[in-house]
Amino acid sequence: MAECTDEELDYFEECVARGSTLGDSGKLTEAIACFDIVLARLPRRSKSGKVLYLPGVFVDALMRKSFCLIEQMCNAEAIPLLERARELDPTNPRIYAELGYAQLACEQWESARISYQKAAFYDPLDPHNLRALAHLAILQEDYHEARRLAHKELKLANNSIETLRQLAYAEFMLGNVNTTITCLRRILRIDMDDTAATLQLVKLLRQQDKPKLAVKLVLAYALRHPADDEARTILKELELQLDDPKEMVKIGKALLSINPDDYEALDLLSWGYFRQGKLALAMDIMLRLVEISPDLASNYFKIALLQQAQRNASAAMAALQRCVNLEAPGSELAEVAQEAIKILDQRQLESLFELMGNDDNLRDACYLEPEKTLLLYGYALSPMGWEILHNALHSNDKGMPRRMN
């Protein structure tokens, strides 16, 4: 093919410039058409293997077209263009880097590694090539090599979050948990709102049985990002692991500062107050939860616990009965509530029988007006409890009240 004239070269430069503008604006198909005008005059490879030194406009057209193809996810089509550009400009690190990217996308890992190594050789100060090599090492499960490359890159880009993330992953896979935590903390010092680093660090702290540190970290993050459901989920899981009423109250209040109607936060706050012995505060919150979900059986079971702690047997029994009525028969909660009713009956009857054994007037009152008498003394029995009391009042067995005449 004859050499291009100056007029043709000027025209080709215009085509590349126009194509670049179109490509930058997202008009990739029109951009490729501009580059093809230039590449139609690209000489074929020399049969002798001799490298032809052609005007740079051809290299530009090859690279620009390959960029468009990569943008269109046509990486396999971009590879031969970049290989041709590499022949024409064999020391250009950008060509090797783009070729490595396309090869990596096509899972040609070894070819990609060689391309990125060439890119790093011709531009040793560009950290992106080292980062790509570290990524390849991770893909090939060579974590020692990934760590080496990451450390080398950090000398060029000390605050690279992506490199620190690679280093953290490599250290974790090598079993170096403490070093992994150090890397994640470095990321958060650079960007305290990095979601991935925050959640990974929380996970590691939980595994190291450091729930308080994990709570402190994820709570601060959740307050800054109230819409992050994953952080809130982890926080609620930590609540169970922590088992610290003061922390429960702290977390509950913090979550309520984001959303005053957060049901689970209210529930947590109530439980924290209960564990601290602040029964009135816990009860106020539980009554609010009942207003929100009046047909939720578990709320009444918790109210029963609070009422028992306040020695209000009648209210506790009423709450347990409500729980049983709302819960599906045979469910775990229904069975637990039934067992709680039996225990509450037993405690009340033991107390009542002891009083009756020492007070004939009380025994007579229970025989004649049981409902009125039990209400007066603050007792509340279930139907089964009433049956036990009835049988006891009409029994002549030793230790039981005698039958009235």
Protein backbone atom coordinates (compact mmCIF):
# COMPACT_ATOMS: atom_id res chain seq x y z
CA MET A 1 0.00 0.00 0.00
CA ALA A 2 1.33 3.40 -0.98
CA GLU A 3 2.38 5.80 1.74
CA CYS A 4 -0.23 8.27 2.87
CA THR A 5 -0.03 11.82 1.67
CA ASP A 6 0.12 14.72 4.06
CA GLU A 7 -3.45 15.61 3.13
CA GLU A 8 -4.59 12.07 3.99
CA LEU A 9 -2.76 12.14 7.30
CA ASP A 10 -4.40 15.44 8.17
CA TYR A 11 -7.76 13.96 7.30
CA PHE A 12 -7.02 10.89 9.41
CA GLU A 13 -6.10 13.13 12.36
CA GLU A 14 -9.45 14.86 11.96
CA CYS A 15 -11.23 11.49 11.91
CA VAL A 16 -9.50 10.36 15.09
CA ALA A 17 -10.28 13.66 16.81
CA ARG A 18 -13.92 13.52 15.73
CA GLY A 19 -14.20 9.88 16.78
CA SER A 20 -12.67 10.66 20.16
CA THR A 21 -15.22 13.40 20.76
CA LEU A 22 -18.07 11.09 19.76
CA GLY A 23 -16.70 8.32 21.99
CA ASP A 24 -16.38 10.64 24.97
CA SER A 25 -20.02 11.65 24.53
CA GLY A 26 -21.15 8.00 24.49
CA LYS A 27 -21.80 7.73 20.75
CA LEU A 28 -19.65 4.65 20.41
CA THR A 29 -20.96 3.27 17.12
CA GLU A 30 -20.44 6.62 15.35
CA ALA A 31 -16.98 6.89 16.91
CA ILE A 32 -15.98 3.44 15.65
CA ALA A 33 -17.07 4.45 12.13
CA CYS A 34 -14.63 7.39 12.27
CA PHE A 35 -11.76 5.18 13.39
CA ASP A 36 -12.55 2.62 10.69
CA ILE A 37 -11.95 5.30 8.05
CA VAL A 38 -8.37 5.51 9.26
CA LEU A 39 -7.87 1.79 9.81
CA ALA A 40 -9.00 1.04 6.25
CA ARG A 41 -5.62 2.43 5.19
CA LEU A 42 -3.65 0.54 7.84
CA PRO A 43 -1.00 -1.59 6.08
CA ARG A 44 -1.12 -5.30 6.66
CA ARG A 45 1.49 -7.02 8.77
CA SER A 46 4.83 -7.52 7.04
CA LYS A 47 5.27 -11.11 5.87
CA SER A 48 8.93 -10.89 6.74
CA GLY A 49 8.10 -10.04 10.33
CA LYS A 50 9.76 -6.66 9.98
CA VAL A 51 8.11 -4.00 12.13
CA LEU A 52 6.69 -1.14 10.11
CA TYR A 53 7.02 2.26 11.72
CA LEU A 54 3.82 4.03 10.76
CA PRO A 55 2.42 7.42 11.65
CA GLY A 56 1.04 7.61 15.19
CA VAL A 57 -2.46 8.29 13.90
CA PHE A 58 -2.85 4.56 13.15
CA VAL A 59 -1.92 3.61 16.71
CA ASP A 60 -4.34 6.22 18.00
CA ALA A 61 -7.13 4.85 15.82
CA LEU A 62 -6.45 1.27 16.95
CA MET A 63 -6.44 2.24 20.61
CA ARG A 64 -9.46 4.50 20.40
CA LYS A 65 -11.50 1.87 18.59
CA SER A 66 -10.48 -0.74 21.15
CA PHE A 67 -11.58 1.61 23.95
CA CYS A 68 -15.01 1.86 22.36
CA LEU A 69 -15.26 -1.90 21.98
CA ILE A 70 -14.28 -2.42 25.61
CA GLU A 71 -16.92 0.13 26.59
CA GLN A 72 -19.42 -1.95 24.58
CA MET A 73 -18.25 -5.08 26.47
CA CYS A 74 -16.78 -6.46 23.24
CA ASN A 75 -13.45 -7.31 24.87
CA ALA A 76 -12.63 -10.23 22.58
CA GLU A 77 -12.92 -7.94 19.53
CA ALA A 78 -10.69 -5.34 21.19
CA ILE A 79 -7.80 -7.77 21.81
CA PRO A 80 -6.56 -8.09 18.18
CA LEU A 81 -6.70 -4.31 17.74
CA LEU A 82 -4.57 -3.80 20.84
CA GLU A 83 -2.17 -6.54 19.75
CA ARG A 84 -1.75 -4.73 16.42
CA ALA A 85 -1.21 -1.44 18.26
CA ARG A 86 1.41 -3.17 20.42
CA GLU A 87 3.30 -4.21 17.28
CA LEU A 88 3.33 -0.63 16.04
CA ASP A 89 4.25 0.92 19.41
CA PRO A 90 5.92 -1.84 21.48
CA THR A 91 6.97 0.37 24.41
CA ASN A 92 3.64 2.06 25.05
CA PRO A 93 2.49 1.08 28.59
CA ARG A 94 -1.08 2.24 27.95
CA ILE A 95 -1.46 -0.33 25.19
CA TYR A 96 -0.28 -3.15 27.44
CA ALA A 97 -2.56 -2.02 30.25
CA GLU A 98 -5.63 -1.92 28.02
CA LEU A 99 -4.69 -5.24 26.46
CA GLY A 100 -4.34 -6.74 29.93
CA TYR A 101 -7.75 -5.39 30.87
CA ALA A 102 -9.42 -6.95 27.81
CA GLN A 103 -7.61 -10.26 28.33
CA LEU A 104 -8.61 -10.30 31.98
CA ALA A 105 -12.24 -9.71 31.01
CA CYS A 106 -11.96 -12.71 28.67
CA GLU A 107 -10.43 -14.77 31.51
CA GLN A 108 -7.12 -15.06 29.67
CA TRP A 109 -5.36 -14.72 32.99
CA GLU A 110 -1.82 -15.66 32.02
CA SER A 111 -1.85 -13.41 28.95
CA ALA A 112 -3.28 -10.60 31.07
CA ARG A 113 -0.54 -11.07 33.67
CA ILE A 114 2.16 -10.79 31.00
CA SER A 115 0.53 -7.68 29.52
CA TYR A 116 0.28 -5.94 32.90
CA GLN A 117 3.87 -6.89 33.72
CA LYS A 118 4.94 -5.19 30.49
CA ALA A 119 2.84 -2.15 31.36
CA ALA A 120 4.50 -1.99 34.80
CA PHE A 121 7.93 -2.38 33.22
CA TYR A 122 7.45 0.54 30.82
CA ASP A 123 5.70 2.70 33.43
CA PRO A 124 6.96 1.63 36.87
CA LEU A 125 5.38 4.66 38.57
CA ASP A 126 1.80 3.82 37.60
CA PRO A 127 0.20 1.97 40.54
CA HIS A 128 -2.78 0.79 38.49
CA ASN A 129 -0.72 -1.90 36.77
CA LEU A 130 0.50 -3.30 40.08
CA ARG A 131 -3.09 -3.26 41.35
CA ALA A 132 -4.21 -5.26 38.32
CA LEU A 133 -1.39 -7.77 38.87
CA ALA A 134 -2.40 -8.12 42.52
CA HIS A 135 -5.98 -8.73 41.41
CA LEU A 136 -4.79 -11.45 39.05
CA ALA A 137 -2.74 -13.04 41.82
CA ILE A 138 -5.85 -13.14 44.01
CA LEU A 139 -7.85 -14.71 41.20
CA GLN A 140 -5.14 -17.36 40.86
CA GLU A 141 -5.11 -17.79 44.68
CA ASP A 142 -1.47 -16.72 44.93
CA TYR A 143 -1.98 -14.64 48.06
CA HIS A 144 1.69 -14.24 48.89
CA GLU A 145 2.27 -12.66 45.48
CA ALA A 146 -0.83 -10.50 45.90
CA ARG A 147 0.49 -9.26 49.24
CA ARG A 148 3.91 -8.51 47.76
CA LEU A 149 2.42 -6.53 44.90
CA ALA A 150 0.04 -4.66 47.19
CA HIS A 151 2.89 -3.56 49.45
CA LYS A 152 4.84 -2.46 46.39
CA GLU A 153 1.89 -0.45 45.12
CA LEU A 154 1.32 1.21 48.48
CA LYS A 155 4.78 2.73 48.17
CA LEU A 156 3.47 4.52 45.07
CA ALA A 157 -0.05 5.21 46.32
CA ASN A 158 -0.08 5.14 50.10
CA ASN A 159 -3.77 6.02 50.45
CA SER A 160 -5.17 3.70 47.80
CA ILE A 161 -8.28 2.16 49.30
CA GLU A 162 -8.52 -0.46 46.56
CA THR A 163 -4.96 -1.60 47.23
CA LEU A 164 -5.57 -1.74 50.98
CA ARG A 165 -8.67 -3.78 50.26
CA GLN A 166 -6.59 -6.22 48.21
CA LEU A 167 -3.98 -6.40 50.93
CA ALA A 168 -6.64 -7.02 53.57
CA TYR A 169 -8.10 -9.86 51.52
CA ALA A 170 -4.70 -11.45 50.90
CA GLU A 171 -3.79 -11.23 54.59
CA PHE A 172 -7.13 -12.74 55.58
CA MET A 173 -6.72 -15.64 53.17
CA LEU A 174 -3.23 -16.20 54.60
CA GLY A 175 -4.77 -16.42 58.07
CA ASN A 176 -3.38 -13.11 59.35
CA VAL A 177 -6.51 -11.76 61.03
CA ASN A 178 -4.81 -9.02 63.06
CA THR A 179 -3.05 -7.69 59.97
CA THR A 180 -6.36 -7.80 58.12
CA ILE A 181 -7.94 -5.70 60.85
CA THR A 182 -5.07 -3.21 60.60
CA CYS A 183 -5.64 -2.86 56.85
CA LEU A 184 -9.38 -2.32 57.31
CA ARG A 185 -8.74 0.31 59.97
CA ARG A 186 -6.41 2.11 57.56
CA ILE A 187 -9.20 2.16 54.99
CA LEU A 188 -11.61 3.66 57.52
CA ARG A 189 -9.08 6.33 58.48
CA ILE A 190 -9.10 7.37 54.83
CA ASP A 191 -12.86 6.99 54.37
CA MET A 192 -14.86 6.43 57.53
CA ASP A 193 -17.99 5.73 55.45
CA ASP A 194 -16.53 2.84 53.45
CA THR A 195 -19.34 0.31 53.74
CA ALA A 196 -17.40 -2.81 52.75
CA ALA A 197 -14.51 -2.10 55.15
CA THR A 198 -16.88 -1.28 57.99
CA LEU A 199 -18.93 -4.44 57.68
CA GLN A 200 -15.86 -6.64 57.15
CA LEU A 201 -14.19 -5.19 60.22
CA VAL A 202 -17.34 -5.68 62.28
CA LYS A 203 -17.47 -9.31 61.18
CA LEU A 204 -13.87 -9.91 62.24
CA LEU A 205 -14.38 -8.20 65.60
CA ARG A 206 -17.37 -10.43 66.23
CA GLN A 207 -15.31 -13.50 65.40
CA GLN A 208 -12.65 -12.34 67.84
CA ASP A 209 -15.34 -12.03 70.52
CA LYS A 210 -15.09 -8.25 70.70
CA PRO A 211 -18.78 -7.37 70.41
CA LYS A 212 -18.47 -4.01 72.18
CA LEU A 213 -15.93 -2.75 69.65
CA ALA A 214 -18.09 -4.12 66.84
CA VAL A 215 -21.18 -2.39 68.23
CA LYS A 216 -19.36 0.92 68.59
CA LEU A 217 -18.19 0.76 64.99
CA VAL A 218 -21.42 -0.33 63.33
CA LEU A 219 -23.58 1.92 65.50
CA ALA A 220 -21.60 5.00 64.49
CA TYR A 221 -21.90 3.90 60.86
CA ALA A 222 -25.65 3.21 61.15
CA LEU A 223 -26.26 6.67 62.63
CA ARG A 224 -24.50 8.24 59.64
CA HIS A 225 -26.31 5.93 57.18
CA PRO A 226 -29.82 5.33 58.54
CA ALA A 227 -30.99 3.77 55.25
CA ASP A 228 -28.36 1.00 55.30
CA ASP A 229 -30.41 -2.08 56.14
CA GLU A 230 -27.39 -4.39 56.26
CA ALA A 231 -25.75 -2.33 59.00
CA ARG A 232 -28.96 -2.33 61.02
CA THR A 233 -29.29 -6.10 60.60
CA ILE A 234 -25.75 -6.65 61.87
CA LEU A 235 -26.40 -4.30 64.76
CA LYS A 236 -29.45 -6.29 65.81
CA GLU A 237 -27.44 -9.53 65.60
CA LEU A 238 -24.79 -7.98 67.80
CA GLU A 239 -27.41 -7.11 70.39
CA LEU A 240 -27.97 -10.81 71.00
CA GLN A 241 -24.25 -11.54 71.19
CA LEU A 242 -23.56 -8.61 73.50
CA ASP A 243 -26.11 -9.44 76.23
CA ASP A 244 -25.35 -6.16 78.03
CA PRO A 245 -28.43 -4.21 79.18
CA LYS A 246 -26.61 -0.87 79.21
CA GLU A 247 -25.50 -1.39 75.61
CA MET A 248 -29.03 -2.50 74.68
CA VAL A 249 -30.43 0.77 76.01
CA LYS A 250 -27.70 2.73 74.24
CA ILE A 251 -28.34 1.01 70.91
CA GLY A 252 -32.10 1.25 71.25
CA LYS A 253 -31.96 4.99 71.93
CA ALA A 254 -29.54 5.53 69.05
CA LEU A 255 -31.79 3.69 66.60
CA LEU A 256 -34.84 5.57 67.83
CA SER A 257 -33.02 8.83 67.15
CA ILE A 258 -33.09 7.77 63.49
CA ASN A 259 -36.65 6.48 63.51
CA PRO A 260 -38.82 7.09 66.60
CA ASP A 261 -41.24 4.37 65.45
CA ASP A 262 -38.60 1.66 64.95
CA TYR A 263 -40.43 -1.34 66.40
CA GLU A 264 -37.35 -3.49 66.97
CA ALA A 265 -35.48 -0.58 68.59
CA LEU A 266 -38.39 -0.04 70.98
CA ASP A 267 -38.43 -3.73 71.78
CA LEU A 268 -34.68 -3.69 72.44
CA LEU A 269 -34.96 -0.61 74.65
CA SER A 270 -37.75 -2.20 76.68
CA TRP A 271 -35.71 -5.36 77.20
CA GLY A 272 -32.65 -3.31 78.19
CA TYR A 273 -34.68 -1.42 80.79
CA PHE A 274 -36.12 -4.69 82.07
CA ARG A 275 -32.64 -6.15 82.47
CA GLN A 276 -31.60 -3.02 84.37
CA GLY A 277 -34.58 -3.34 86.70
CA LYS A 278 -36.25 -0.19 85.38
CA LEU A 279 -39.60 -1.90 85.16
CA ALA A 280 -41.81 1.17 84.82
CA LEU A 281 -39.83 2.44 81.82
CA ALA A 282 -39.90 -1.00 80.26
CA MET A 283 -43.66 -1.27 80.77
CA ASP A 284 -44.31 2.13 79.19
CA ILE A 285 -42.51 1.03 76.05
CA MET A 286 -44.23 -2.36 75.98
CA LEU A 287 -47.64 -0.68 76.17
CA ARG A 288 -46.60 1.46 73.21
CA LEU A 289 -45.63 -1.68 71.31
CA VAL A 290 -49.05 -3.16 72.06
CA GLU A 291 -50.63 -0.04 70.59
CA ILE A 292 -48.57 -0.57 67.43
CA SER A 293 -49.22 -4.33 67.19
CA PRO A 294 -52.23 -5.20 69.37
CA ASP A 295 -52.47 -8.76 68.08
CA LEU A 296 -48.83 -9.79 68.52
CA ALA A 297 -48.76 -12.53 71.15
CA SER A 298 -45.10 -12.07 72.09
CA ASN A 299 -45.84 -8.55 73.35
CA TYR A 300 -48.26 -9.90 75.93
CA PHE A 301 -45.79 -12.55 77.03
CA LYS A 302 -43.21 -9.83 77.70
CA ILE A 303 -45.80 -7.77 79.55
CA ALA A 304 -46.50 -10.84 81.71
CA LEU A 305 -42.81 -11.04 82.60
CA LEU A 306 -42.83 -7.38 83.60
CA GLN A 307 -46.02 -7.78 85.65
CA GLN A 308 -44.60 -10.76 87.48
CA ALA A 309 -41.44 -8.78 88.23
CA GLN A 310 -43.71 -6.08 89.69
CA ARG A 311 -45.57 -8.78 91.69
CA ASN A 312 -48.83 -8.08 89.90
CA ALA A 313 -50.11 -11.63 89.50
CA SER A 314 -53.55 -10.74 88.16
CA ALA A 315 -52.15 -8.56 85.37
CA ALA A 316 -49.49 -11.18 84.56
CA MET A 317 -52.12 -13.92 84.32
CA ALA A 318 -54.31 -11.76 82.09
CA ALA A 319 -51.35 -11.08 79.77
CA LEU A 320 -50.43 -14.78 79.59
CA GLN A 321 -54.01 -15.73 78.80
CA ARG A 322 -54.07 -13.11 76.06
CA CYS A 323 -50.82 -14.49 74.67
CA VAL A 324 -52.24 -18.03 74.54
CA ASN A 325 -55.45 -16.84 72.89
CA LEU A 326 -53.57 -14.96 70.16
CA GLU A 327 -50.87 -17.53 69.45
CA ALA A 328 -51.47 -20.53 67.22
CA PRO A 329 -52.15 -23.70 69.26
CA GLY A 330 -49.11 -25.93 69.57
CA SER A 331 -46.62 -23.19 68.71
CA GLU A 332 -43.48 -22.84 70.80
CA LEU A 333 -44.63 -19.54 72.30
CA ALA A 334 -48.05 -20.95 73.15
CA GLU A 335 -46.45 -23.89 74.95
CA VAL A 336 -44.07 -21.60 76.84
CA ALA A 337 -46.97 -19.37 77.85
CA GLN A 338 -48.99 -22.38 79.02
CA GLU A 339 -46.06 -23.53 81.11
CA ALA A 340 -45.72 -20.02 82.56
CA ILE A 341 -49.40 -20.10 83.49
CA LYS A 342 -48.93 -23.42 85.33
CA ILE A 343 -45.95 -22.01 87.23
CA LEU A 344 -47.86 -18.83 88.11
CA ASP A 345 -50.83 -20.89 89.28
CA GLN A 346 -48.56 -23.06 91.38
CA ARG A 347 -46.86 -20.12 93.08
CA GLN A 348 -50.14 -18.39 93.83
CA LEU A 349 -51.79 -21.54 95.16
CA GLU A 350 -48.83 -22.36 97.38
CA SER A 351 -48.99 -18.84 98.82
CA LEU A 352 -52.76 -18.98 99.15
CA PHE A 353 -52.78 -22.40 100.83
CA GLU A 354 -50.17 -21.23 103.31
CA LEU A 355 -52.32 -18.23 104.24
CA MET A 356 -55.44 -20.36 104.43
CA GLY A 357 -53.72 -22.84 106.72
CA ASN A 358 -53.10 -20.03 109.21
CA ASP A 359 -56.36 -18.14 108.76
CA ASP A 360 -59.70 -19.94 109.01
CA ASN A 361 -61.56 -16.77 108.02
CA LEU A 362 -59.65 -16.57 104.76
CA ARG A 363 -60.32 -20.24 104.12
CA ASP A 364 -64.02 -19.72 104.70
CA ALA A 365 -64.09 -16.63 102.48
CA CYS A 366 -62.38 -18.55 99.70
CA TYR A 367 -64.94 -21.30 100.04
CA LEU A 368 -67.97 -18.97 100.02
CA GLU A 369 -66.84 -16.18 97.69
CA PRO A 370 -63.69 -17.35 95.90
CA GLU A 371 -63.68 -14.79 93.06
CA LYS A 372 -64.19 -11.82 95.37
CA THR A 373 -61.69 -13.07 97.91
CA LEU A 374 -58.90 -13.80 95.42
CA LEU A 375 -59.38 -10.45 93.77
CA LEU A 376 -59.20 -8.76 97.17
CA TYR A 377 -55.92 -10.51 98.01
CA GLY A 378 -54.42 -9.95 94.53
CA TYR A 379 -54.56 -13.51 93.22
CA ALA A 380 -55.55 -14.40 89.65
CA LEU A 381 -55.82 -18.05 88.61
CA SER A 382 -56.24 -19.70 85.27
CA PRO A 383 -59.18 -22.06 84.68
CA MET A 384 -56.89 -24.92 85.62
CA GLY A 385 -55.83 -23.07 88.76
CA TRP A 386 -59.45 -22.51 89.71
CA GLU A 387 -60.11 -26.21 89.34
CA ILE A 388 -57.20 -27.04 91.62
CA LEU A 389 -58.44 -24.53 94.19
CA HIS A 390 -61.99 -25.89 93.99
CA ASN A 391 -60.81 -29.44 94.54
CA ALA A 392 -58.59 -28.34 97.41
CA LEU A 393 -61.39 -26.44 99.14
CA HIS A 394 -63.63 -29.52 98.98
CA SER A 395 -60.99 -31.98 100.02
CA ASN A 396 -60.41 -33.61 103.43
CA ASP A 397 -56.85 -34.63 102.55
CA LYS A 398 -54.18 -33.78 105.06
CA GLY A 399 -52.64 -30.40 104.41
CA MET A 400 -55.68 -29.11 102.50
CA PRO A 401 -58.43 -26.85 103.84
CA ARG A 402 -61.32 -28.78 105.32
CA ARG A 403 -64.71 -28.74 103.71
CA MET A 404 -67.10 -26.23 105.21
CA ASN A 405 -70.30 -27.36 106.91
